Protein backbone atom coordinates (compact mmCIF):
# COMPACT_ATOMS: atom_id res chain seq x y z
CA MET A 1 -0.15 0.01 -0.31
CA MET A 2 2.69 2.42 0.73
CA THR A 3 4.93 4.30 -1.88
CA ASP A 4 7.45 5.65 -2.48
CA THR A 5 8.17 8.89 -1.07
CA PRO A 6 10.24 11.82 -2.29
CA GLU A 7 12.78 13.29 -0.18
CA ASN A 8 10.04 15.73 0.87
CA VAL A 9 7.56 13.81 1.53
CA SER A 10 7.19 12.16 4.83
CA LEU A 11 4.90 9.43 6.43
CA VAL A 12 3.07 10.42 9.18
CA PRO A 13 0.79 9.21 11.54
CA ILE A 14 -2.97 8.98 10.70
CA ALA A 15 -4.08 8.96 14.09
CA ARG A 16 -2.57 12.07 14.69
CA ILE A 17 -4.07 14.44 11.74
CA GLU A 18 -6.64 16.70 12.42
CA VAL A 19 -9.23 17.56 9.80
CA LEU A 20 -10.19 20.98 10.11
CA ASN A 21 -12.48 21.40 6.83
CA SER A 22 -14.06 18.57 6.75
CA ARG A 23 -16.83 17.93 4.33
CA ASP A 24 -19.55 14.86 2.68
CA ARG A 25 -17.81 12.86 0.04
CA ASN A 26 -19.41 11.56 -3.43
CA MET A 27 -19.33 8.33 -2.25
CA LYS A 28 -18.88 6.97 -6.06
CA VAL A 29 -16.18 9.06 -6.06
CA PHE A 30 -14.81 7.80 -2.79
CA GLU A 31 -15.12 4.25 -4.03
CA GLU A 32 -13.06 4.89 -7.37
CA ILE A 33 -10.33 6.66 -4.57
CA VAL A 34 -10.30 3.12 -2.26
CA GLU A 35 -9.98 1.02 -5.09
CA SER A 36 -7.39 2.95 -7.10
CA ILE A 37 -5.12 3.23 -3.96
CA GLN A 38 -5.76 -0.22 -2.96
CA LEU A 39 -4.62 -1.39 -7.01
CA ILE A 40 -1.89 0.77 -7.66
CA GLY A 41 -1.22 2.75 -4.39
CA LEU A 42 -1.18 6.26 -3.80
CA LYS A 43 -0.49 8.64 -6.71
CA LYS A 44 -0.25 12.32 -4.36
CA PRO A 45 0.55 12.50 -1.26
CA ILE A 46 -1.90 14.58 0.78
CA THR A 47 -0.53 17.97 2.44
CA VAL A 48 -0.34 18.82 5.91
CA ALA A 49 1.27 21.24 8.22
CA GLU A 50 2.87 20.64 11.90
CA ARG A 51 1.86 21.68 14.83
CA ALA A 52 3.75 20.95 18.48
CA GLY A 53 0.97 18.27 19.93
CA GLU A 54 0.15 18.13 24.28
CA ASP A 55 2.19 15.40 24.17
CA GLY A 56 5.10 16.66 23.10
CA GLN A 57 4.87 15.01 19.97
CA PRO A 58 4.35 16.89 16.41
CA LYS A 59 0.72 16.62 15.53
CA TYR A 60 -0.86 17.15 12.22
CA VAL A 61 -3.67 20.07 10.60
CA LEU A 62 -4.75 18.63 7.13
CA VAL A 63 -4.45 21.31 4.16
CA CYS A 64 -5.68 18.87 1.36
CA GLY A 65 -6.55 15.25 0.60
CA GLU A 66 -9.05 14.24 3.18
CA GLY A 67 -10.67 11.65 0.44
CA ARG A 68 -7.35 10.32 0.63
CA LEU A 69 -6.85 9.80 3.84
CA ASN A 70 -9.81 8.56 4.60
CA ALA A 71 -9.15 5.72 2.06
CA PHE A 72 -6.00 5.43 4.10
CA ARG A 73 -7.65 4.76 7.20
CA ILE A 74 -10.42 2.27 5.22
CA LEU A 75 -7.62 0.36 4.13
CA GLY A 76 -6.30 0.02 7.74
CA GLU A 77 -3.43 1.96 7.27
CA THR A 78 -1.01 3.83 10.11
CA HIS A 79 0.66 6.46 8.03
CA ILE A 80 0.36 8.02 4.64
CA PRO A 81 2.91 10.09 2.63
CA ALA A 82 2.31 13.63 3.35
CA LEU A 83 4.20 17.29 2.41
CA VAL A 84 4.80 18.82 5.36
CA VAL A 85 3.88 22.88 4.66
CA ASP A 86 5.07 25.38 7.31
CA VAL A 87 1.46 27.23 7.68
CA SER A 88 -0.39 29.27 9.73
CA ASP A 89 -4.09 27.70 10.77
CA GLU A 90 -5.95 30.57 8.79
CA ASP A 91 -3.65 29.65 5.41
CA ALA A 92 -4.26 25.97 6.12
CA PHE A 93 -7.76 26.46 6.08
CA ILE A 94 -7.92 29.31 3.08
CA MET A 95 -5.68 26.55 1.35
CA SER A 96 -7.78 24.07 2.11
CA LEU A 97 -10.45 25.39 0.51
CA ALA A 98 -8.50 26.72 -2.84
CA GLU A 99 -8.26 22.74 -3.18
CA ASN A 100 -11.48 22.38 -2.72
CA ILE A 101 -13.04 24.36 -5.38
CA ALA A 102 -10.27 23.87 -7.83
CA ARG A 103 -10.80 20.29 -7.52
CA ARG A 104 -12.63 18.44 -10.58
CA GLY A 105 -15.94 17.77 -10.09
CA TYR A 106 -16.37 19.85 -7.08
CA ARG A 107 -20.31 20.93 -6.63
CA PRO A 108 -21.16 24.57 -6.56
CA LEU A 109 -23.09 23.93 -3.24
CA GLU A 110 -19.82 23.02 -1.22
CA ILE A 111 -18.30 26.82 -2.79
CA LEU A 112 -21.70 28.32 -1.22
CA ALA A 113 -21.06 26.68 2.37
CA ASP A 114 -16.93 27.67 1.38
CA ILE A 115 -18.32 31.20 0.79
CA GLU A 116 -20.35 31.41 3.73
CA LEU A 117 -17.43 29.94 5.73
CA LEU A 118 -15.03 32.78 4.83
CA ARG A 119 -17.30 35.66 5.64
CA GLU A 120 -17.95 33.98 9.26
CA ARG A 121 -13.85 34.64 9.74
CA GLY A 122 -14.60 38.01 9.16
CA TYR A 123 -13.49 37.50 4.92
CA THR A 124 -14.90 40.56 2.62
CA ALA A 125 -15.86 39.53 -0.84
CA ASP A 126 -13.05 41.08 -2.40
CA VAL A 127 -10.73 38.83 -0.04
CA ILE A 128 -12.45 35.65 -0.68
CA ILE A 129 -12.61 36.31 -5.30
CA GLN A 130 -8.59 37.20 -4.42
CA LYS A 131 -7.97 34.33 -2.30
CA THR A 132 -10.04 31.41 -3.93
CA GLY A 133 -9.73 32.58 -7.56
CA LEU A 134 -13.48 32.16 -7.86
CA SER A 135 -14.90 34.80 -10.77
CA PRO A 136 -15.98 38.29 -9.02
CA LYS A 137 -19.70 37.69 -10.04
CA TYR A 138 -20.39 34.98 -8.47
CA VAL A 139 -18.94 35.80 -5.29
CA ARG A 140 -20.84 38.98 -4.97
CA ASP A 141 -23.83 37.12 -5.51
CA ILE A 142 -23.76 34.68 -2.92
CA VAL A 143 -22.19 37.41 -0.48
CA PHE A 144 -25.04 39.08 -1.57
CA LEU A 145 -27.55 36.28 -0.50
CA LEU A 146 -25.51 35.47 2.51
CA GLU A 147 -26.32 39.09 3.62
CA GLN A 148 -29.56 39.79 3.14
CA GLY A 149 -30.15 37.07 5.50
CA GLU A 150 -32.07 34.66 3.36
CA GLU A 151 -31.57 31.23 4.55
CA ARG A 152 -34.80 29.73 3.17
CA LEU A 153 -33.28 30.59 -0.54
CA ILE A 154 -30.12 29.95 0.47
CA GLU A 155 -31.17 26.46 1.57
CA GLY A 156 -33.75 25.93 -1.47
CA VAL A 157 -30.40 26.31 -2.63
CA GLN A 158 -28.53 24.07 -1.30
CA ARG A 159 -31.25 20.92 -1.62
CA GLY A 160 -31.62 21.98 -5.20
CA SER A 161 -34.77 22.93 -5.89
CA ILE A 162 -34.38 26.65 -7.20
CA PRO A 163 -31.59 27.60 -9.06
CA LEU A 164 -28.83 30.29 -7.42
CA THR A 165 -30.29 32.79 -10.40
CA THR A 166 -34.27 32.83 -9.35
CA ALA A 167 -32.98 32.88 -5.43
CA LEU A 168 -30.95 36.01 -6.61
CA GLU A 169 -33.49 37.36 -8.49
CA ILE A 170 -36.51 36.63 -5.25
CA ALA A 171 -33.29 38.15 -2.88
CA ARG A 172 -33.33 41.28 -4.76
CA ALA A 173 -36.69 42.03 -4.76
CA SER A 174 -37.22 41.33 -1.64
CA ALA A 175 -34.59 44.04 -1.16
CA ASN A 176 -36.10 46.45 -3.11
CA ASP A 177 -39.24 45.91 -1.86
CA PRO A 178 -40.86 49.38 -0.14
CA GLN A 179 -42.46 47.03 2.53
CA ASN A 180 -39.58 46.01 4.12
CA SER A 181 -38.83 49.44 5.07
CA ASN A 182 -42.01 51.00 5.56
CA GLY A 183 -42.77 49.24 9.31
CA GLU A 184 -45.70 47.36 8.14
CA GLY A 185 -46.05 43.85 9.10
CA GLY A 186 -47.68 40.68 8.62
CA GLU A 187 -48.02 41.01 4.90
CA SER A 188 -45.42 39.06 2.34
CA ASN A 189 -43.11 40.85 0.71
CA LEU A 190 -42.33 40.80 -3.33
CA GLY A 191 -39.51 38.21 -2.64
CA ASP A 192 -42.06 35.80 -0.16
CA LEU A 193 -44.46 35.93 -3.14
CA LEU A 194 -42.17 35.15 -5.48
CA GLN A 195 -40.39 32.17 -3.93
CA GLU A 196 -43.89 31.07 -2.67
CA ALA A 197 -45.03 30.98 -6.54
CA TYR A 198 -41.67 29.48 -7.40
CA GLU A 199 -41.69 26.38 -4.70
CA ASN A 200 -45.67 26.08 -5.85
CA GLY A 201 -44.51 26.26 -9.74
CA GLN A 202 -46.93 28.65 -10.59
CA LEU A 203 -43.92 30.62 -12.27
CA LYS A 204 -40.77 29.38 -13.31
CA GLY A 205 -37.20 30.07 -13.91
CA ARG A 206 -37.56 33.44 -16.60
CA GLN A 207 -41.41 33.92 -15.47
CA ILE A 208 -39.63 34.89 -12.60
CA ILE A 209 -37.90 37.41 -13.70
CA GLU A 210 -40.96 39.02 -15.95
CA ALA A 211 -43.05 38.90 -13.09
CA LYS A 212 -40.79 40.92 -10.50
CA ARG A 213 -40.55 43.71 -13.21
CA LEU A 214 -43.11 44.12 -13.90
CA ILE A 215 -44.36 44.44 -9.73
CA GLU A 216 -41.57 46.43 -9.58
CA LYS A 217 -42.55 48.64 -11.99
CA ARG A 218 -45.78 48.94 -10.89
CA GLN A 219 -44.78 50.16 -7.81
CA GLU A 220 -41.79 52.35 -9.53
CA LEU A 221 -44.68 54.21 -11.03
CA GLY A 222 -47.42 54.17 -7.98
CA PRO A 223 -49.89 57.38 -8.58
CA SER A 224 -48.44 58.69 -11.85
CA SER A 225 -49.48 55.66 -12.97
CA PRO A 226 -52.52 56.41 -15.54
CA ASN A 227 -54.50 53.00 -14.04
CA ALA A 228 -53.20 53.70 -10.24
CA ALA A 229 -56.93 53.04 -9.24
CA GLN A 230 -56.64 49.53 -11.23
CA ILE A 231 -52.84 48.60 -9.56
CA LYS A 232 -52.97 46.83 -6.22
CA PRO A 233 -49.94 44.92 -5.04
CA PRO A 234 -49.98 41.30 -4.53
CA THR A 235 -51.02 40.07 -1.33
CA SER A 236 -50.80 36.61 -2.29
CA SER A 237 -48.82 34.20 -4.48
CA TYR A 238 -51.65 33.58 -6.18
CA SER A 239 -52.74 37.08 -6.80
CA LEU A 240 -49.45 37.79 -7.87
CA VAL A 241 -49.33 34.89 -10.31
CA ARG A 242 -52.89 36.77 -11.62
CA THR A 243 -51.39 39.57 -12.10
CA TYR A 244 -48.12 38.29 -14.06
CA GLN A 245 -50.85 35.92 -16.22
CA LYS A 246 -52.86 39.71 -17.36
CA GLU A 247 -50.11 41.51 -18.07
CA VAL A 248 -48.90 38.29 -20.46
CA GLU A 249 -52.28 38.34 -21.72
CA ARG A 250 -52.57 42.22 -22.36
CA GLN A 251 -48.92 41.97 -24.21
CA ARG A 252 -50.31 38.81 -26.46
CA LYS A 253 -53.15 41.24 -27.55
CA MET A 254 -51.06 44.05 -28.39
CA VAL A 255 -48.39 42.33 -30.41
CA LEU A 256 -51.87 40.60 -32.54
CA LYS A 257 -52.94 44.40 -32.84
CA ALA A 258 -49.82 45.38 -33.79
CA GLU A 259 -49.43 42.90 -36.69
CA HIS A 260 -53.01 43.94 -37.91
CA ALA A 261 -52.54 47.15 -38.08
CA HIS A 262 -49.60 46.38 -40.04
CA GLN A 263 -51.23 44.22 -42.50
CA ARG A 264 -53.60 46.28 -43.06
CA LEU A 265 -51.03 49.39 -43.45
CA LEU A 266 -49.65 47.25 -45.84
CA LEU A 267 -53.10 47.25 -47.92
CA VAL A 268 -53.38 51.08 -47.81
CA VAL A 269 -49.17 51.14 -49.16
CA GLN A 270 -49.59 48.79 -52.00
CA GLY A 271 -53.71 50.65 -52.32
CA LEU A 272 -52.09 53.48 -52.66
CA LYS A 273 -48.85 52.44 -54.75
CA LYS A 274 -50.72 51.13 -57.24
CA LEU A 275 -53.15 54.74 -57.47
CA PHE A 276 -50.27 56.95 -57.62
CA ALA A 277 -49.02 54.84 -60.41
CA ASP A 278 -52.05 56.35 -62.63
CA GLU A 279 -50.69 59.34 -64.32
CA ASN A 280 -54.70 60.04 -65.14
CA PHE A 281 -55.35 59.95 -61.13
CA VAL A 282 -52.57 61.83 -60.69
CA THR A 283 -53.43 64.70 -62.45
CA LEU A 284 -57.12 65.53 -60.97
CA LEU A 285 -55.40 65.18 -58.00
CA ARG A 286 -53.30 68.32 -58.98
CA ALA A 287 -56.17 70.31 -59.69
CA GLU A 288 -57.78 69.14 -56.67
CA GLY A 289 -54.43 70.39 -55.11
CA LEU A 290 -55.18 67.35 -54.14
CA ASP A 291 -51.26 65.40 -54.57
CA THR A 292 -49.12 65.34 -51.63
CA LEU A 293 -49.20 62.45 -48.90
CA PRO A 294 -48.67 62.83 -45.46
CA LYS A 295 -44.91 62.18 -44.83
CA TYR A 296 -45.49 59.44 -43.09
CA LEU A 297 -47.50 57.66 -46.09
CA ALA A 298 -45.03 59.09 -48.81
CA GLU A 299 -42.22 57.39 -47.34
CA ARG A 300 -44.03 54.42 -46.32
CA ILE A 301 -44.66 54.30 -50.56
CA ASN A 302 -40.87 54.55 -51.45
CA HIS A 303 -40.00 52.51 -49.09
CA PHE A 304 -42.05 49.67 -50.80
CA GLU A 305 -41.10 50.68 -53.94
CA GLY A 306 -37.54 50.13 -53.25
CA ALA A 307 -38.36 46.52 -51.46
CA GLN A 308 -39.85 46.01 -54.81
CA ALA A 309 -37.66 46.85 -56.93
């Protein structure tokens, strides 16, 4: 089981290794690690930092390689090849997170948990970005969720019941909702209603964003809206969905009316084009002082003629 160890790698007693940042492992991947080590040995040593033990003997803090360490334990080994580095506990923790984030197949939900740990240790978003190499936008989005105290949304993301992008839209809706700062109690804010609509399957994906923008636009217009008397903030996920559905239907009808008007305009343009191609008709119009057209129609006819050429 033991592999040849390079000069800078030591055989470290497994019983004296402490794991600072333990996490659940994918069992299928872990079984593959165990099988690989059993067949061909350890390809890459773990990384540890040495510390003074209370009994006068050195102990070690695990930096990278928890899966390999657990595999050695399962296989009954007492020592494991380890690269011993001289770093502080804080640096060891950061190195462990960076290793986990860089590890192939590392899940976004695990990254979320790591960012939360770093925030609990007092790191700002900028420092987290610098130390982990993660996308600035991704880190700031996660930090925003955490700062807003959106426990339900974070739990939903961790369970996989709601995508991170949707959770962010809902959190922003809550943060921007005037009801959050006007002291009113007992009523759900926009973010709560959006989350409820999503969890109930009433709105999905893009619909959440569109419904959010619709309600926020109405809140922004307020009394200045021409339909202010008809605009009431939704008080339930049902009323929110109904408002969204009505707006979708209104826009659909507007598109149909616009297409109908466009077709009728084309017929008018075609008719006028034929009439203005008749010299006798144009002469008659000139005699009556009616040989000019409104600028809009004239431009449409000229455009139509150019397209037909």
